[in-house]
């Protein structure tokens, strides 16, 4: 891939008001000093007006097809509802644009495969905005594990949620969001896959709908992943969990990590014939690192900050777990990476 000359010219696709995520992406890219936002695309004219007020002299578009005609745009950052990720990305990749897509990468494995194939065919970069790989708690745990304090990880449990009525918006609509696991759950699965090393062997799951009938997302979801090493991982996302649970419970061959939140976690480690414990404070989160690393990749040919293959692993876990829940049968992971 030829190196780009800074500033890399980018368009933000999707400038919706939810969490101001479109603006967050734009601001993060501008902060690098090497990526320049020159266009915004959104179907809502009021959001285009907001983009012009926030970003100044930019081009605005109401359709992705029109945006693709802008030859100045080299990179597109896609911040749209989950069910549109693949469709929008394929359009932009087909037009020869580098693409960053918000997490989750897509809703199905098949969509991910098509996106990866399109990027390879066009000779452009495809990456996924898994910015939570730069969360301070995750970075600290990953560092402790890599330093060998708990030995080889063989069992991991992580939990997100509580008991509460979900809001009525697109993230609660399964057809649009992909399901309850595709929002915060995607972060937890991605973290898990970076804390348990090795190739996945199989996936099982339980998806339950019991209480909140005003939305179509599931109320309670669990995935179980088996690895070639024999290690196992369990990720739970729930809106009907009436009792608290540790955010992380990780067992290794010589120790463990337990994290219930609060800015630090406990490490248990074997010293001679005794077990000792100590507290580790979360590191500082460095979310801005993603776009810094992407600029390094596009301009200096550094590694892609998040490969599409690694992001596809998350979608594989979610899709296979739901298949297993419906069929009652363990699902084999269909690819090597």
Protein backbone atom coordinates (compact mmCIF):
# COMPACT_ATOMS: atom_id res chain seq x y z
CA UNK A 1 0.00 0.00 0.00
CA UNK A 2 1.51 3.38 -0.98
CA UNK A 3 2.15 5.75 1.92
CA UNK A 4 -0.19 8.73 2.20
CA UNK A 5 1.08 12.27 2.63
CA UNK A 6 -0.25 14.06 5.72
CA UNK A 7 -2.73 15.34 6.39
CA UNK A 8 -4.80 12.30 5.41
CA UNK A 9 -8.18 13.55 4.16
CA UNK A 10 -11.11 11.88 5.92
CA UNK A 11 -14.91 11.83 5.82
CA UNK A 12 -17.04 10.93 8.84
CA UNK A 13 -20.06 8.85 7.83
CA UNK A 14 -22.76 9.23 10.47
CA UNK A 15 -22.93 12.29 12.71
CA UNK A 16 -25.83 11.22 14.91
CA UNK A 17 -26.48 12.75 18.33
CA UNK A 18 -26.11 9.53 20.35
CA UNK A 19 -23.07 10.09 22.58
CA UNK A 20 -21.87 12.60 19.92
CA UNK A 21 -19.79 9.73 18.55
CA UNK A 22 -19.35 11.27 15.11
CA UNK A 23 -17.88 14.37 16.70
CA UNK A 24 -15.73 12.25 19.01
CA UNK A 25 -14.21 10.48 16.02
CA UNK A 26 -13.66 13.77 14.21
CA UNK A 27 -12.02 15.38 17.24
CA UNK A 28 -9.78 12.35 17.84
CA UNK A 29 -8.60 12.36 14.24
CA UNK A 30 -7.97 16.11 14.22
CA UNK A 31 -5.96 15.79 17.45
CA UNK A 32 -3.36 13.67 15.65
CA UNK A 33 -2.36 16.66 13.54
CA UNK A 34 -2.04 14.27 10.61
CA UNK A 35 -5.67 13.53 9.74
CA UNK A 36 -7.94 16.28 8.42
CA UNK A 37 -11.75 16.01 8.43
CA UNK A 38 -12.95 17.45 5.12
CA UNK A 39 -16.43 15.92 4.80
CA UNK A 40 -19.38 14.53 6.74
CA UNK A 41 -22.18 12.31 5.46
CA UNK A 42 -25.52 11.89 7.23
CA UNK A 43 -29.13 11.37 6.11
CA UNK A 44 -30.34 14.00 8.62
CA UNK A 45 -29.88 17.60 7.47
CA UNK A 46 -29.96 18.83 11.08
CA UNK A 47 -26.94 16.66 11.84
CA UNK A 48 -25.10 18.01 8.81
CA UNK A 49 -25.81 21.50 10.11
CA UNK A 50 -24.39 20.47 13.49
CA UNK A 51 -21.29 19.08 11.74
CA UNK A 52 -20.73 22.36 9.90
CA UNK A 53 -21.06 24.26 13.17
CA UNK A 54 -18.65 21.92 14.93
CA UNK A 55 -16.07 21.39 12.19
CA UNK A 56 -16.19 24.54 10.06
CA UNK A 57 -15.49 24.49 6.33
CA UNK A 58 -16.36 20.94 5.30
CA UNK A 59 -18.26 19.27 2.48
CA UNK A 60 -21.52 17.58 3.49
CA UNK A 61 -23.40 14.74 1.82
CA UNK A 62 -26.74 13.03 2.37
CA UNK A 63 -25.74 9.78 0.65
CA UNK A 64 -22.67 7.57 0.72
CA UNK A 65 -22.85 7.18 -3.05
CA UNK A 66 -22.38 10.93 -3.48
CA UNK A 67 -19.53 10.95 -0.98
CA UNK A 68 -17.62 8.30 -2.94
CA UNK A 69 -17.34 10.75 -5.85
CA UNK A 70 -15.18 13.08 -3.76
CA UNK A 71 -11.70 12.06 -4.90
CA UNK A 72 -10.03 14.08 -2.14
CA UNK A 73 -11.42 11.76 0.53
CA UNK A 74 -8.83 9.07 1.26
CA UNK A 75 -10.25 7.63 4.48
CA UNK A 76 -13.79 7.16 5.78
CA UNK A 77 -14.73 6.70 9.43
CA UNK A 78 -18.10 4.93 9.67
CA UNK A 79 -20.25 5.73 12.72
CA UNK A 80 -23.70 4.37 11.82
CA UNK A 81 -26.07 1.75 13.35
CA UNK A 82 -24.64 -1.77 13.42
CA UNK A 83 -26.85 -3.23 10.69
CA UNK A 84 -25.48 -0.64 8.24
CA UNK A 85 -21.77 -1.22 8.89
CA UNK A 86 -21.21 -3.79 6.15
CA UNK A 87 -23.33 -2.05 3.49
CA UNK A 88 -21.64 1.34 3.98
CA UNK A 89 -18.15 -0.13 4.29
CA UNK A 90 -18.52 -2.19 1.11
CA UNK A 91 -19.60 0.90 -0.83
CA UNK A 92 -16.60 2.92 0.36
CA UNK A 93 -14.10 0.08 -0.01
CA UNK A 94 -15.36 -0.49 -3.53
CA UNK A 95 -14.62 3.16 -4.27
CA UNK A 96 -11.02 2.70 -3.13
CA UNK A 97 -11.30 4.46 0.22
CA UNK A 98 -9.52 3.32 3.36
CA UNK A 99 -12.15 2.52 5.99
CA UNK A 100 -12.49 2.56 9.76
CA UNK A 101 -15.75 1.14 11.06
CA UNK A 102 -17.08 1.52 14.59
CA UNK A 103 -17.31 -1.63 16.65
CA UNK A 104 -18.83 -4.14 16.30
CA UNK A 105 -17.36 -4.78 12.86
CA UNK A 106 -20.70 -6.09 11.53
CA UNK A 107 -23.54 -8.37 12.61
CA UNK A 108 -22.57 -11.63 10.88
CA UNK A 109 -19.41 -13.55 10.00
CA UNK A 110 -20.46 -13.49 6.34
CA UNK A 111 -20.60 -9.68 6.36
CA UNK A 112 -17.13 -9.53 7.91
CA UNK A 113 -15.77 -11.91 5.27
CA UNK A 114 -17.16 -9.74 2.48
CA UNK A 115 -15.65 -6.60 3.99
CA UNK A 116 -12.22 -8.21 4.35
CA UNK A 117 -12.36 -9.53 0.78
CA UNK A 118 -13.39 -6.11 -0.57
CA UNK A 119 -10.52 -4.36 1.20
CA UNK A 120 -8.01 -6.90 -0.10
CA UNK A 121 -9.39 -6.58 -3.63
CA UNK A 122 -9.17 -2.79 -3.55
CA UNK A 123 -5.74 -2.77 -1.91
CA UNK A 124 -6.87 -0.49 0.91
CA UNK A 125 -6.91 -0.62 4.71
CA UNK A 126 -9.91 -1.83 6.68
CA UNK A 127 -9.82 -1.43 10.45
CA UNK A 128 -12.32 -1.50 13.33
CA UNK A 129 -12.52 1.10 16.09
CA UNK A 130 -11.99 -1.14 19.11
CA UNK A 131 -10.79 1.84 21.15
CA UNK A 132 -11.51 0.00 24.41
CA UNK A 133 -8.33 -1.99 23.85
CA UNK A 134 -6.79 1.16 25.33
CA UNK A 135 -8.87 1.12 28.56
CA UNK A 136 -6.69 1.45 31.65
CA UNK A 137 -8.10 -1.56 33.54
CA UNK A 138 -7.64 -3.86 30.55
CA UNK A 139 -4.11 -2.56 29.88
CA UNK A 140 -3.12 -3.15 33.50
CA UNK A 141 -4.52 -6.71 33.56
CA UNK A 142 -2.91 -7.56 30.24
CA UNK A 143 0.44 -6.28 31.55
CA UNK A 144 0.19 -8.31 34.77
CA UNK A 145 -0.62 -11.47 32.78
CA UNK A 146 2.19 -10.88 30.28
CA UNK A 147 4.67 -10.37 33.15
CA UNK A 148 3.81 -13.88 34.35
CA UNK A 149 2.36 -13.09 37.77
CA UNK A 150 -0.52 -15.60 37.41
CA UNK A 151 1.06 -18.08 35.02
CA UNK A 152 -0.90 -19.43 32.07
CA UNK A 153 -4.54 -18.32 31.97
CA UNK A 154 -6.84 -21.36 31.90
CA UNK A 155 -10.16 -19.94 33.14
CA UNK A 156 -11.75 -16.51 32.66
CA UNK A 157 -15.12 -15.08 33.67
CA UNK A 158 -16.33 -11.55 32.96
CA UNK A 159 -19.68 -9.86 33.48
CA UNK A 160 -21.43 -6.68 32.39
CA UNK A 161 -24.88 -5.46 33.39
CA UNK A 162 -27.36 -5.49 36.24
CA UNK A 163 -31.11 -5.33 36.66
CA UNK A 164 -32.73 -2.44 34.77
CA UNK A 165 -35.23 -1.57 32.07
CA UNK A 166 -33.45 -1.01 28.72
CA UNK A 167 -34.07 2.24 26.88
CA UNK A 168 -36.21 2.29 23.74
CA UNK A 169 -33.79 3.21 20.95
CA UNK A 170 -32.01 1.53 18.07
CA UNK A 171 -29.43 -0.17 20.27
CA UNK A 172 -32.32 -2.09 21.90
CA UNK A 173 -33.73 -3.22 18.54
CA UNK A 174 -32.22 -6.59 17.59
CA UNK A 175 -32.73 -6.12 13.84
CA UNK A 176 -30.67 -2.93 13.96
CA UNK A 177 -28.20 -3.59 16.76
CA UNK A 178 -27.62 -7.31 16.21
CA UNK A 179 -28.64 -8.11 19.78
CA UNK A 180 -27.81 -7.31 23.39
CA UNK A 181 -24.27 -8.64 23.03
CA UNK A 182 -23.34 -6.37 20.12
CA UNK A 183 -23.02 -3.19 22.18
CA UNK A 184 -20.88 -3.29 25.35
CA UNK A 185 -20.69 -7.07 25.09
CA UNK A 186 -18.50 -6.75 21.99
CA UNK A 187 -15.88 -4.95 24.09
CA UNK A 188 -15.91 -7.70 26.71
CA UNK A 189 -15.50 -10.44 24.10
CA UNK A 190 -12.66 -8.51 22.47
CA UNK A 191 -10.90 -8.09 25.83
CA UNK A 192 -11.39 -11.77 26.61
CA UNK A 193 -9.81 -12.81 23.31
CA UNK A 194 -6.72 -10.76 24.16
CA UNK A 195 -6.38 -12.12 27.70
CA UNK A 196 -6.75 -15.81 26.81
CA UNK A 197 -4.09 -16.68 24.22
CA UNK A 198 -4.40 -19.11 21.36
CA UNK A 199 -6.86 -20.35 18.80
CA UNK A 200 -10.55 -20.76 19.61
CA UNK A 201 -11.84 -24.30 19.27
CA UNK A 202 -15.58 -24.04 19.88
CA UNK A 203 -18.34 -21.78 21.19
CA UNK A 204 -21.57 -22.40 23.08
CA UNK A 205 -24.11 -19.95 24.46
CA UNK A 206 -27.41 -19.17 26.15
CA UNK A 207 -29.59 -16.26 24.97
CA UNK A 208 -32.74 -15.62 27.01
CA UNK A 209 -35.77 -13.31 26.68
CA UNK A 210 -37.80 -13.22 29.90
CA UNK A 211 -38.72 -9.75 31.20
CA UNK A 212 -38.33 -6.68 28.97
CA UNK A 213 -40.94 -7.13 26.22
CA UNK A 214 -40.87 -3.47 25.13
CA UNK A 215 -37.54 -4.11 23.30
CA UNK A 216 -36.44 -6.94 21.00
CA UNK A 217 -32.90 -7.43 22.33
CA UNK A 218 -32.32 -10.36 24.62
CA UNK A 219 -32.50 -9.85 28.41
CA UNK A 220 -29.64 -12.18 29.32
CA UNK A 221 -26.81 -13.60 27.21
CA UNK A 222 -23.89 -15.88 27.97
CA UNK A 223 -21.09 -17.20 25.77
CA UNK A 224 -18.63 -19.97 26.55
CA UNK A 225 -15.44 -20.31 24.50
CA UNK A 226 -13.10 -23.30 24.49
CA UNK A 227 -9.54 -22.85 23.24
CA UNK A 228 -7.13 -25.37 21.74
CA UNK A 229 -5.04 -25.05 24.90
CA UNK A 230 -7.93 -26.33 27.01
CA UNK A 231 -8.56 -22.87 28.47
CA UNK A 232 -12.19 -21.78 28.82
CA UNK A 233 -13.83 -18.34 28.96
CA UNK A 234 -17.31 -17.22 30.00
CA UNK A 235 -18.74 -13.79 29.13
CA UNK A 236 -22.11 -12.69 30.51
CA UNK A 237 -24.23 -9.65 29.55
CA UNK A 238 -27.52 -9.12 31.37
CA UNK A 239 -30.27 -6.62 32.07
CA UNK A 240 -31.94 -9.01 34.55
CA UNK A 241 -28.99 -9.83 36.83
CA UNK A 242 -30.38 -8.91 40.26
CA UNK A 243 -27.16 -9.60 42.17
CA UNK A 244 -23.72 -8.07 41.56
CA UNK A 245 -20.85 -10.07 40.16
CA UNK A 246 -17.14 -9.41 39.72
CA UNK A 247 -16.25 -7.71 36.47
CA UNK A 248 -13.29 -10.08 36.07
CA UNK A 249 -12.38 -13.43 37.64
CA UNK A 250 -9.28 -14.88 35.97
CA UNK A 251 -7.42 -18.02 37.03
CA UNK A 252 -3.88 -18.86 35.99
CA UNK A 253 -1.61 -21.77 36.78
CA UNK A 254 0.23 -19.78 39.48
CA UNK A 255 -2.26 -17.10 40.50
CA UNK A 256 -5.42 -15.15 39.76
CA UNK A 257 -6.95 -11.72 39.12
CA UNK A 258 -10.21 -10.54 40.68
CA UNK A 259 -11.68 -7.16 39.72
CA UNK A 260 -14.92 -5.79 41.14
CA UNK A 261 -14.33 -2.26 39.84
CA UNK A 262 -13.34 0.79 41.85
CA UNK A 263 -10.14 1.73 40.10
CA UNK A 264 -8.00 -1.25 41.06
CA UNK A 265 -7.94 -5.05 41.04
CA UNK A 266 -6.41 -7.77 43.20
CA UNK A 267 -3.64 -10.05 41.98
CA UNK A 268 -3.00 -13.38 43.70
CA UNK A 269 0.39 -14.91 42.96
CA UNK A 270 2.35 -17.87 44.27
CA UNK A 271 5.62 -17.07 46.04
CA UNK A 272 7.54 -20.23 46.95
CA UNK A 273 4.97 -22.31 48.87
CA UNK A 274 2.67 -19.43 49.77
CA UNK A 275 0.03 -17.37 48.00
CA UNK A 276 0.45 -13.60 48.24
CA UNK A 277 -1.84 -10.84 47.03
CA UNK A 278 -1.46 -7.20 46.06
CA UNK A 279 -3.51 -4.41 44.51
CA UNK A 280 -2.91 -2.94 41.06
CA UNK A 281 -4.36 0.43 40.14
CA UNK A 282 -5.83 0.81 36.67
CA UNK A 283 -3.53 2.43 34.16
CA UNK A 284 -4.56 5.63 32.43
CA UNK A 285 -6.83 5.02 29.44
CA UNK A 286 -5.30 6.09 26.13
CA UNK A 287 -8.19 6.10 23.66
CA UNK A 288 -6.45 8.67 21.44
CA UNK A 289 -3.86 6.01 20.64
CA UNK A 290 -6.10 4.36 18.04
CA UNK A 291 -6.06 7.22 15.53
CA UNK A 292 -2.40 8.00 16.28
CA UNK A 293 -1.61 4.40 15.34
CA UNK A 294 -3.84 4.57 12.28
CA UNK A 295 -2.01 7.68 11.09
CA UNK A 296 1.30 5.85 11.62
CA UNK A 297 -0.05 2.99 9.50
CA UNK A 298 -1.33 5.11 6.62
CA UNK A 299 1.64 7.48 6.51
CA UNK A 300 4.58 5.40 7.72
CA UNK A 301 3.39 1.82 6.99
CA UNK A 302 3.25 0.86 10.67
CA UNK A 303 0.97 -2.06 11.61
CA UNK A 304 -2.81 -1.66 11.41
CA UNK A 305 -4.02 -0.73 14.93
CA UNK A 306 -6.91 -3.23 14.79
CA UNK A 307 -6.89 -5.83 12.03
CA UNK A 308 -10.26 -6.78 10.55
CA UNK A 309 -9.43 -10.44 11.18
CA UNK A 310 -9.12 -9.79 14.92
CA UNK A 311 -12.42 -7.88 14.93
CA UNK A 312 -14.08 -10.73 13.02
CA UNK A 313 -13.21 -13.09 15.90
CA UNK A 314 -15.58 -11.08 18.12
CA UNK A 315 -18.43 -11.43 15.63
CA UNK A 316 -17.72 -15.15 15.30
CA UNK A 317 -18.11 -15.62 19.06
CA UNK A 318 -21.41 -13.74 19.11
CA UNK A 319 -22.91 -15.44 16.05
CA UNK A 320 -21.80 -18.93 17.03
CA UNK A 321 -23.02 -18.49 20.61
CA UNK A 322 -26.49 -17.53 19.36
CA UNK A 323 -26.52 -20.49 16.98
CA UNK A 324 -25.58 -22.75 19.88
CA UNK A 325 -28.34 -21.28 22.03
CA UNK A 326 -30.93 -22.03 19.35
CA UNK A 327 -29.67 -25.52 18.49
CA UNK A 328 -28.39 -26.69 21.86
CA UNK A 329 -25.20 -27.83 20.12
CA UNK A 330 -21.59 -26.69 20.46
CA UNK A 331 -20.38 -24.70 17.43
CA UNK A 332 -16.97 -25.17 15.83
CA UNK A 333 -15.02 -22.02 14.92
CA UNK A 334 -14.90 -21.91 11.10
CA UNK A 335 -11.49 -20.36 10.46
CA UNK A 336 -7.90 -20.42 11.67
CA UNK A 337 -7.15 -16.84 12.72
